[in-house]
PDB file of N, CA and C in Angstrom:
ATOM      1  N   MET A   1       0.819  -1.188   0.000  1.00  0.00           N
ATOM      2  CA  MET A   1       0.000   0.000   0.000  1.00  0.00           C
ATOM      3  C   MET A   1       0.869   1.260   0.000  1.00  0.00           C
ATOM      4  N   ALA A   2       2.050   1.133   0.585  1.00  0.00           N
ATOM      5  CA  ALA A   2       2.945   2.294   0.626  1.00  0.00           C
ATOM      6  C   ALA A   2       3.360   2.715  -0.786  1.00  0.00           C
ATOM      7  N   PHE A   3       3.539   1.727  -1.667  1.00  0.00           N
ATOM      8  CA  PHE A   3       3.920   2.064  -3.040  1.00  0.00           C
ATOM      9  C   PHE A   3       2.798   2.807  -3.754  1.00  0.00           C
ATOM     10  N   VAL A   4       1.572   2.468  -3.457  1.00  0.00           N
ATOM     11  CA  VAL A   4       0.435   3.161  -4.079  1.00  0.00           C
ATOM     12  C   VAL A   4       0.400   4.611  -3.606  1.00  0.00           C
ATOM     13  N   TRP A   5       0.561   4.820  -2.287  1.00  0.00           N
ATOM     14  CA  TRP A   5       0.569   6.201  -1.766  1.00  0.00           C
ATOM     15  C   TRP A   5       1.732   7.001  -2.339  1.00  0.00           C
ATOM     16  N   LEU A   6       2.899   6.365  -2.453  1.00  0.00           N
ATOM     17  CA  LEU A   6       4.050   7.042  -3.045  1.00  0.00           C
ATOM     18  C   LEU A   6       3.775   7.400  -4.504  1.00  0.00           C
ATOM     19  N   GLY A   7       3.130   6.492  -5.227  1.00  0.00           N
ATOM     20  CA  GLY A   7       2.781   6.766  -6.622  1.00  0.00           C
ATOM     21  C   GLY A   7       1.775   7.897  -6.753  1.00  0.00           C
ATOM     22  N   VAL A   8       0.787   7.916  -5.861  1.00  0.00           N
ATOM     23  CA  VAL A   8      -0.214   8.997  -5.895  1.00  0.00           C
ATOM     24  C   VAL A   8       0.457  10.333  -5.605  1.00  0.00           C
ATOM     25  N   LEU A   9       1.335  10.346  -4.596  1.00  0.00           N
ATOM     26  CA  LEU A   9       2.049  11.583  -4.270  1.00  0.00           C
ATOM     27  C   LEU A   9       2.892  12.061  -5.452  1.00  0.00           C
ATOM     28  N   ALA A  10       3.628  11.145  -6.083  1.00  0.00           N
ATOM     29  CA  ALA A  10       4.445  11.513  -7.240  1.00  0.00           C
ATOM     30  C   ALA A  10       3.573  11.995  -8.392  1.00  0.00           C
ATOM     31  N   LEU A  11       2.441  11.362  -8.573  1.00  0.00           N
ATOM     32  CA  LEU A  11       1.529  11.759  -9.644  1.00  0.00           C
ATOM     33  C   LEU A  11       0.985  13.167  -9.419  1.00  0.00           C
ATOM     34  N   VAL A  12       0.619  13.467  -8.184  1.00  0.00           N
ATOM     35  CA  VAL A  12       0.103  14.809  -7.858  1.00  0.00           C
ATOM     36  C   VAL A  12       1.200  15.850  -8.038  1.00  0.00           C
ATOM     37  N   LEU A  13       2.402  15.545  -7.532  1.00  0.00           N
ATOM     38  CA  LEU A  13       3.504  16.499  -7.679  1.00  0.00           C
ATOM     39  C   LEU A  13       3.866  16.719  -9.142  1.00  0.00           C
ATOM     40  N   LYS A  14       3.830  15.673  -9.941  1.00  0.00           N
ATOM     41  CA  LYS A  14       4.119  15.817 -11.381  1.00  0.00           C
ATOM     42  C   LYS A  14       3.015  16.618 -12.067  1.00  0.00           C
ATOM     43  N   GLY A  15       1.766  16.336 -11.712  1.00  0.00           N
ATOM     44  CA  GLY A  15       0.650  17.051 -12.335  1.00  0.00           C
ATOM     45  C   GLY A  15       0.637  18.530 -11.999  1.00  0.00           C
ATOM     46  N   LEU A  16       1.007  18.852 -10.757  1.00  0.00           N
ATOM     47  CA  LEU A  16       1.033  20.258 -10.342  1.00  0.00           C
ATOM     48  C   LEU A  16       2.383  20.928 -10.606  1.00  0.00           C
ATOM     49  N   GLU A  17       3.314  20.165 -11.159  1.00  0.00           N
ATOM     50  CA  GLU A  17       4.662  20.643 -11.489  1.00  0.00           C
ATOM     51  C   GLU A  17       5.338  21.278 -10.277  1.00  0.00           C
ATOM     52  N   ILE A  18       5.380  20.518  -9.184  1.00  0.00           N
ATOM     53  CA  ILE A  18       5.987  20.980  -7.941  1.00  0.00           C
ATOM     54  C   ILE A  18       7.294  20.241  -7.710  1.00  0.00           C
ATOM     55  N   GLY A  19       8.327  20.989  -7.366  1.00  0.00           N
ATOM     56  CA  GLY A  19       9.608  20.414  -6.985  1.00  0.00           C
ATOM     57  C   GLY A  19      10.306  19.682  -8.111  1.00  0.00           C
ATOM     58  N   PRO A  20      11.276  18.852  -7.734  1.00  0.00           N
ATOM     59  CA  PRO A  20      12.060  18.141  -8.749  1.00  0.00           C
ATOM     60  C   PRO A  20      11.257  17.065  -9.486  1.00  0.00           C
ATOM     61  N   VAL A  21      10.123  16.667  -8.923  1.00  0.00           N
ATOM     62  CA  VAL A  21       9.297  15.641  -9.567  1.00  0.00           C
ATOM     63  C   VAL A  21       8.780  16.141 -10.918  1.00  0.00           C
ATOM     64  N   ALA A  22       8.638  17.433 -11.061  1.00  0.00           N
ATOM     65  CA  ALA A  22       8.156  17.995 -12.323  1.00  0.00           C
ATOM     66  C   ALA A  22       9.112  17.684 -13.476  1.00  0.00           C
ATOM     67  N   GLN A  23      10.379  17.485 -13.180  1.00  0.00           N
ATOM     68  CA  GLN A  23      11.377  17.207 -14.214  1.00  0.00           C
ATOM     69  C   GLN A  23      11.528  15.722 -14.510  1.00  0.00           C
ATOM     70  N   TRP A  24      10.963  14.868 -13.672  1.00  0.00           N
ATOM     71  CA  TRP A  24      11.094  13.419 -13.847  1.00  0.00           C
ATOM     72  C   TRP A  24      10.293  12.955 -15.062  1.00  0.00           C
ATOM     73  N   SER A  25      10.722  11.850 -15.634  1.00  0.00           N
ATOM     74  CA  SER A  25       9.967  11.265 -16.741  1.00  0.00           C
ATOM     75  C   SER A  25       8.719  10.584 -16.170  1.00  0.00           C
ATOM     76  N   TRP A  26       7.753  10.324 -17.043  1.00  0.00           N
ATOM     77  CA  TRP A  26       6.525   9.674 -16.596  1.00  0.00           C
ATOM     78  C   TRP A  26       6.797   8.248 -16.127  1.00  0.00           C
ATOM     79  N   TRP A  27       7.820   7.607 -16.685  1.00  0.00           N
ATOM     80  CA  TRP A  27       8.160   6.246 -16.241  1.00  0.00           C
ATOM     81  C   TRP A  27       8.567   6.255 -14.779  1.00  0.00           C
ATOM     82  N   ALA A  28       9.334   7.252 -14.374  1.00  0.00           N
ATOM     83  CA  ALA A  28       9.769   7.350 -12.978  1.00  0.00           C
ATOM     84  C   ALA A  28       8.586   7.660 -12.063  1.00  0.00           C
ATOM     85  N   VAL A  29       7.663   8.470 -12.538  1.00  0.00           N
ATOM     86  CA  VAL A  29       6.501   8.849 -11.719  1.00  0.00           C
ATOM     87  C   VAL A  29       5.550   7.663 -11.550  1.00  0.00           C
ATOM     88  N   LEU A  30       5.375   6.876 -12.590  1.00  0.00           N
ATOM     89  CA  LEU A  30       4.426   5.762 -12.542  1.00  0.00           C
ATOM     90  C   LEU A  30       5.042   4.449 -12.041  1.00  0.00           C
ATOM     91  N   SER A  31       6.347   4.418 -11.841  1.00  0.00           N
ATOM     92  CA  SER A  31       6.998   3.176 -11.422  1.00  0.00           C
ATOM     93  C   SER A  31       6.536   2.649 -10.059  1.00  0.00           C
ATOM     94  N   PRO A  32       6.180   3.482  -9.068  1.00  0.00           N
ATOM     95  CA  PRO A  32       5.674   2.900  -7.814  1.00  0.00           C
ATOM     96  C   PRO A  32       4.410   2.057  -8.002  1.00  0.00           C
ATOM     97  N   PHE A  33       3.572   2.410  -8.970  1.00  0.00           N
ATOM     98  CA  PHE A  33       2.374   1.609  -9.243  1.00  0.00           C
ATOM     99  C   PHE A  33       2.767   0.235  -9.799  1.00  0.00           C
ATOM    100  N   LEU A  34       3.774   0.209 -10.658  1.00  0.00           N
ATOM    101  CA  LEU A  34       4.266  -1.057 -11.196  1.00  0.00           C
ATOM    102  C   LEU A  34       4.854  -1.922 -10.081  1.00  0.00           C
ATOM    103  N   VAL A  35       5.621  -1.307  -9.192  1.00  0.00           N
ATOM    104  CA  VAL A  35       6.200  -2.046  -8.063  1.00  0.00           C
ATOM    105  C   VAL A  35       5.088  -2.598  -7.173  1.00  0.00           C
ATOM    106  N   ALA A  36       4.024  -1.833  -6.952  1.00  0.00           N
ATOM    107  CA  ALA A  36       2.903  -2.300  -6.131  1.00  0.00           C
ATOM    108  C   ALA A  36       2.223  -3.510  -6.769  1.00  0.00           C
ATOM    109  N   VAL A  37       2.025  -3.479  -8.061  1.00  0.00           N
ATOM    110  CA  VAL A  37       1.397  -4.604  -8.758  1.00  0.00           C
ATOM    111  C   VAL A  37       2.277  -5.844  -8.657  1.00  0.00           C
ATOM    112  N   VAL A  38       3.579  -5.683  -8.843  1.00  0.00           N
ATOM    113  CA  VAL A  38       4.508  -6.812  -8.746  1.00  0.00           C
ATOM    114  C   VAL A  38       4.508  -7.358  -7.316  1.00  0.00           C
ATOM    115  N   TRP A  39       4.527  -6.471  -6.319  1.00  0.00           N
ATOM    116  CA  TRP A  39       4.521  -6.926  -4.923  1.00  0.00           C
ATOM    117  C   TRP A  39       3.237  -7.689  -4.606  1.00  0.00           C
ATOM    118  N   TRP A  40       2.085  -7.182  -5.039  1.00  0.00           N
ATOM    119  CA  TRP A  40       0.824  -7.871  -4.760  1.00  0.00           C
ATOM    120  C   TRP A  40       0.777  -9.241  -5.439  1.00  0.00           C
ATOM    121  N   ALA A  41       1.287  -9.330  -6.646  1.00  0.00           N
ATOM    122  CA  ALA A  41       1.321 -10.618  -7.337  1.00  0.00           C
ATOM    123  C   ALA A  41       2.236 -11.593  -6.593  1.00  0.00           C
ATOM    124  N   PHE A  42       3.381 -11.119  -6.152  1.00  0.00           N
ATOM    125  CA  PHE A  42       4.320 -11.953  -5.415  1.00  0.00           C
ATOM    126  C   PHE A  42       3.722 -12.403  -4.084  1.00  0.00           C
ATOM    127  N   SER A  43       3.121 -11.475  -3.350  1.00  0.00           N
ATOM    128  CA  SER A  43       2.573 -11.834  -2.040  1.00  0.00           C
ATOM    129  C   SER A  43       1.390 -12.785  -2.169  1.00  0.00           C
ATOM    130  N   ASP A  44       0.589 -12.641  -3.216  1.00  0.00           N
ATOM    131  CA  ASP A  44      -0.497 -13.594  -3.454  1.00  0.00           C
ATOM    132  C   ASP A  44       0.045 -14.966  -3.810  1.00  0.00           C
ATOM    133  N   ALA A  45       1.080 -15.003  -4.629  1.00  0.00           N
ATOM    134  CA  ALA A  45       1.664 -16.275  -5.036  1.00  0.00           C
ATOM    135  C   ALA A  45       2.321 -16.993  -3.854  1.00  0.00           C
ATOM    136  N   MET A  46       2.896 -16.246  -2.929  1.00  0.00           N
ATOM    137  CA  MET A  46       3.558 -16.843  -1.771  1.00  0.00           C
ATOM    138  C   MET A  46       2.584 -17.151  -0.634  1.00  0.00           C
ATOM    139  N   GLY A  47       1.348 -16.673  -0.736  1.00  0.00           N
ATOM    140  CA  GLY A  47       0.341 -16.977   0.267  1.00  0.00           C
ATOM    141  C   GLY A  47       0.317 -16.021   1.437  1.00  0.00           C
ATOM    142  N   PHE A  48       1.030 -14.902   1.358  1.00  0.00           N
ATOM    143  CA  PHE A  48       1.056 -13.949   2.461  1.00  0.00           C
ATOM    144  C   PHE A  48      -0.334 -13.415   2.767  1.00  0.00           C
ATOM    145  N   THR A  49      -1.070 -13.050   1.742  1.00  0.00           N
ATOM    146  CA  THR A  49      -2.380 -12.445   1.967  1.00  0.00           C
ATOM    147  C   THR A  49      -3.375 -13.468   2.504  1.00  0.00           C
ATOM    148  N   ALA A  50      -3.294 -14.696   2.035  1.00  0.00           N
ATOM    149  CA  ALA A  50      -4.215 -15.731   2.521  1.00  0.00           C
ATOM    150  C   ALA A  50      -3.956 -16.038   3.992  1.00  0.00           C
ATOM    151  N   ARG A  51      -2.669 -16.112   4.372  1.00  0.00           N
ATOM    152  CA  ARG A  51      -2.343 -16.380   5.781  1.00  0.00           C
ATOM    153  C   ARG A  51      -2.788 -15.223   6.666  1.00  0.00           C
ATOM    154  N   ALA A  52      -2.586 -13.998   6.222  1.00  0.00           N
ATOM    155  CA  ALA A  52      -2.996 -12.844   7.014  1.00  0.00           C
ATOM    156  C   ALA A  52      -4.512 -12.811   7.166  1.00  0.00           C
ATOM    157  N   ARG A  53      -5.229 -13.112   6.098  1.00  0.00           N
ATOM    158  CA  ARG A  53      -6.688 -13.147   6.160  1.00  0.00           C
ATOM    159  C   ARG A  53      -7.159 -14.248   7.101  1.00  0.00           C
ATOM    160  N   GLN A  54      -6.534 -15.415   7.052  1.00  0.00           N
ATOM    161  CA  GLN A  54      -6.901 -16.522   7.930  1.00  0.00           C
ATOM    162  C   GLN A  54      -6.636 -16.168   9.389  1.00  0.00           C
ATOM    163  N   LYS A  55      -5.527 -15.494   9.655  1.00  0.00           N
ATOM    164  CA  LYS A  55      -5.211 -15.093  11.028  1.00  0.00           C
ATOM    165  C   LYS A  55      -6.260 -14.117  11.560  1.00  0.00           C
ATOM    166  N   ARG A  56      -6.665 -13.138  10.726  1.00  0.00           N
ATOM    167  CA  ARG A  56      -7.706 -12.185  11.146  1.00  0.00           C
ATOM    168  C   ARG A  56      -9.021 -12.900  11.427  1.00  0.00           C
ATOM    169  N   GLU A  57      -9.375 -13.869  10.582  1.00  0.00           N
ATOM    170  CA  GLU A  57     -10.617 -14.622  10.785  1.00  0.00           C
ATOM    171  C   GLU A  57     -10.551 -15.457  12.049  1.00  0.00           C
ATOM    172  N   ASP A  58      -9.397 -16.055  12.342  1.00  0.00           N
ATOM    173  CA  ASP A  58      -9.245 -16.847  13.567  1.00  0.00           C
ATOM    174  C   ASP A  58      -9.399 -15.980  14.808  1.00  0.00           C
ATOM    175  N   VAL A  59      -8.795 -14.800  14.794  1.00  0.00           N
ATOM    176  CA  VAL A  59      -8.920 -13.882  15.930  1.00  0.00           C
ATOM    177  C   VAL A  59     -10.366 -13.453  16.102  1.00  0.00           C
ATOM    178  N   ARG A  60     -11.039 -13.119  15.006  1.00  0.00           N
ATOM    179  CA  ARG A  60     -12.435 -12.698  15.060  1.00  0.00           C
ATOM    180  C   ARG A  60     -13.332 -13.830  15.585  1.00  0.00           C
ATOM    181  N   ARG A  61     -13.079 -15.058  15.132  1.00  0.00           N
ATOM    182  CA  ARG A  61     -13.866 -16.214  15.569  1.00  0.00           C
ATOM    183  C   ARG A  61     -13.677 -16.454  17.065  1.00  0.00           C
ATOM    184  N   GLU A  62     -12.438 -16.380  17.547  1.00  0.00           N
ATOM    185  CA  GLU A  62     -12.169 -16.592  18.968  1.00  0.00           C
ATOM    186  C   GLU A  62     -12.808 -15.495  19.815  1.00  0.00           C
ATOM    187  N   GLN A  63     -12.780 -14.269  19.334  1.00  0.00           N
ATOM    188  CA  GLN A  63     -13.411 -13.160  20.071  1.00  0.00           C
ATOM    189  C   GLN A  63     -14.926 -13.361  20.132  1.00  0.00           C
ATOM    190  N   ARG A  64     -15.534 -13.797  19.038  1.00  0.00           N
ATOM    191  CA  ARG A  64     -16.978 -14.085  19.043  1.00  0.00           C
ATOM    192  C   ARG A  64     -17.302 -15.180  20.038  1.00  0.00           C
ATOM    193  N   ARG A  65     -16.452 -16.194  20.078  1.00  0.00           N
ATOM    194  CA  ARG A  65     -16.661 -17.309  21.007  1.00  0.00           C
ATOM    195  C   ARG A  65     -16.571 -16.821  22.451  1.00  0.00           C
ATOM    196  N   ARG A  66     -15.558 -15.999  22.757  1.00  0.00           N
ATOM    197  CA  ARG A  66     -15.428 -15.457  24.111  1.00  0.00           C
ATOM    198  C   ARG A  66     -16.624 -14.598  24.481  1.00  0.00           C
ATOM    199  N   ASN A  67     -17.083 -13.778  23.557  1.00  0.00           N
ATOM    200  CA  ASN A  67     -18.243 -12.924  23.823  1.00  0.00           C
ATOM    201  C   ASN A  67     -19.486 -13.757  24.088  1.00  0.00           C
ATOM    202  N   THR A  68     -19.660 -14.823  23.330  1.00  0.00           N
ATOM    203  CA  THR A  68     -20.817 -15.699  23.525  1.00  0.00           C
ATOM    204  C   THR A  68     -20.761 -16.363  24.891  1.00  0.00           C
ATOM    205  N   VAL A  69     -19.583 -16.839  25.276  1.00  0.00           N
ATOM    206  CA  VAL A  69     -19.428 -17.490  26.579  1.00  0.00           C
ATOM    207  C   VAL A  69     -19.734 -16.494  27.696  1.00  0.00           C
ATOM    208  N   GLU A  70     -19.230 -15.275  27.566  1.00  0.00           N
ATOM    209  CA  GLU A  70     -19.481 -14.250  28.588  1.00  0.00           C
ATOM    210  C   GLU A  70     -20.957 -13.891  28.649  1.00  0.00           C
ATOM    211  N   SER A  71     -21.618 -13.816  27.500  1.00  0.00           N
ATOM    212  CA  SER A  71     -23.034 -13.453  27.498  1.00  0.00           C
ATOM    213  C   SER A  71     -23.898 -14.551  28.098  1.00  0.00           C
ATOM    214  N   LEU A  72     -23.413 -15.799  28.097  1.00  0.00           N
ATOM    215  CA  LEU A  72     -24.133 -16.901  28.716  1.00  0.00           C
ATOM    216  C   LEU A  72     -23.881 -16.960  30.225  1.00  0.00           C
ATOM    217  N   GLY A  73     -22.988 -16.109  30.716  1.00  0.00           N
ATOM    218  CA  GLY A  73     -22.726 -16.050  32.146  1.00  0.00           C
ATOM    219  C   GLY A  73     -21.667 -17.018  32.621  1.00  0.00           C
ATOM    220  N   ARG A  74     -20.928 -17.614  31.723  1.00  0.00           N
ATOM    221  CA  ARG A  74     -19.872 -18.550  32.122  1.00  0.00           C
ATOM    222  C   ARG A  74     -18.555 -17.796  32.207  1.00  0.00           C
ATOM    223  N   LYS A  75     -17.711 -18.253  33.129  1.00  0.00           N
ATOM    224  CA  LYS A  75     -16.398 -17.616  33.256  1.00  0.00           C
ATOM    225  C   LYS A  75     -15.358 -18.280  32.364  1.00  0.00           C
ATOM    226  N   THR A  76     -15.543 -19.572  32.125  1.00  0.00           N
ATOM    227  CA  THR A  76     -14.610 -20.291  31.254  1.00  0.00           C
ATOM    228  C   THR A  76     -15.427 -21.007  30.177  1.00  0.00           C
ATOM    229  N   PRO A  77     -14.901 -21.086  29.005  1.00  0.00           N
ATOM    230  CA  PRO A  77     -15.643 -21.769  27.935  1.00  0.00           C
ATOM    231  C   PRO A  77     -15.644 -23.274  28.128  1.00  0.00           C
ATOM    232  N   LEU A  78     -16.657 -23.877  27.588  1.00  0.00           N
ATOM    233  CA  LEU A  78     -16.727 -25.341  27.583  1.00  0.00           C
ATOM    234  C   LEU A  78     -15.657 -25.875  26.641  1.00  0.00           C
ATOM    235  N   PRO A  79     -15.209 -27.097  26.884  1.00  0.00           N
ATOM    236  CA  PRO A  79     -14.218 -27.645  25.935  1.00  0.00           C
ATOM    237  C   PRO A  79     -14.844 -27.789  24.545  1.00  0.00           C
ATOM    238  N   ARG A  80     -14.025 -27.585  23.566  1.00  0.00           N
ATOM    239  CA  ARG A  80     -14.515 -27.655  22.185  1.00  0.00           C
ATOM    240  C   ARG A  80     -14.740 -29.102  21.786  1.00  0.00           C
ATOM    241  N   ARG A  81     -15.818 -29.309  21.052  1.00  0.00           N
ATOM    242  CA  ARG A  81     -16.099 -30.632  20.496  1.00  0.00           C
ATOM    243  C   ARG A  81     -15.287 -30.836  19.240  1.00  0.00           C
ATOM    244  N   ARG A  82     -14.810 -32.008  19.056  1.00  0.00           N
ATOM    245  CA  ARG A  82     -14.026 -32.310  17.847  1.00  0.00           C
ATOM    246  C   ARG A  82     -14.792 -33.211  16.947  1.00  0.00           C
TER     247      ARG A  82
END
């Protein structure tokens, strides 16, 4: 996501012709977007995003379980059925 923000910033600076970015070629200004696409493809291929999503879902599921146990008035959860 940082590459996207960097690309947006470079794009705005190039469009408004501010600072040294105004002198850069369009390839240099648009290159952070290319790097972001390559990074996202790499991270998807390596499974980084799937693992992060699974971890968030596991935390959310455990929090829901704790909330349910507390709302039932129990101090400790029942053992999980397998």
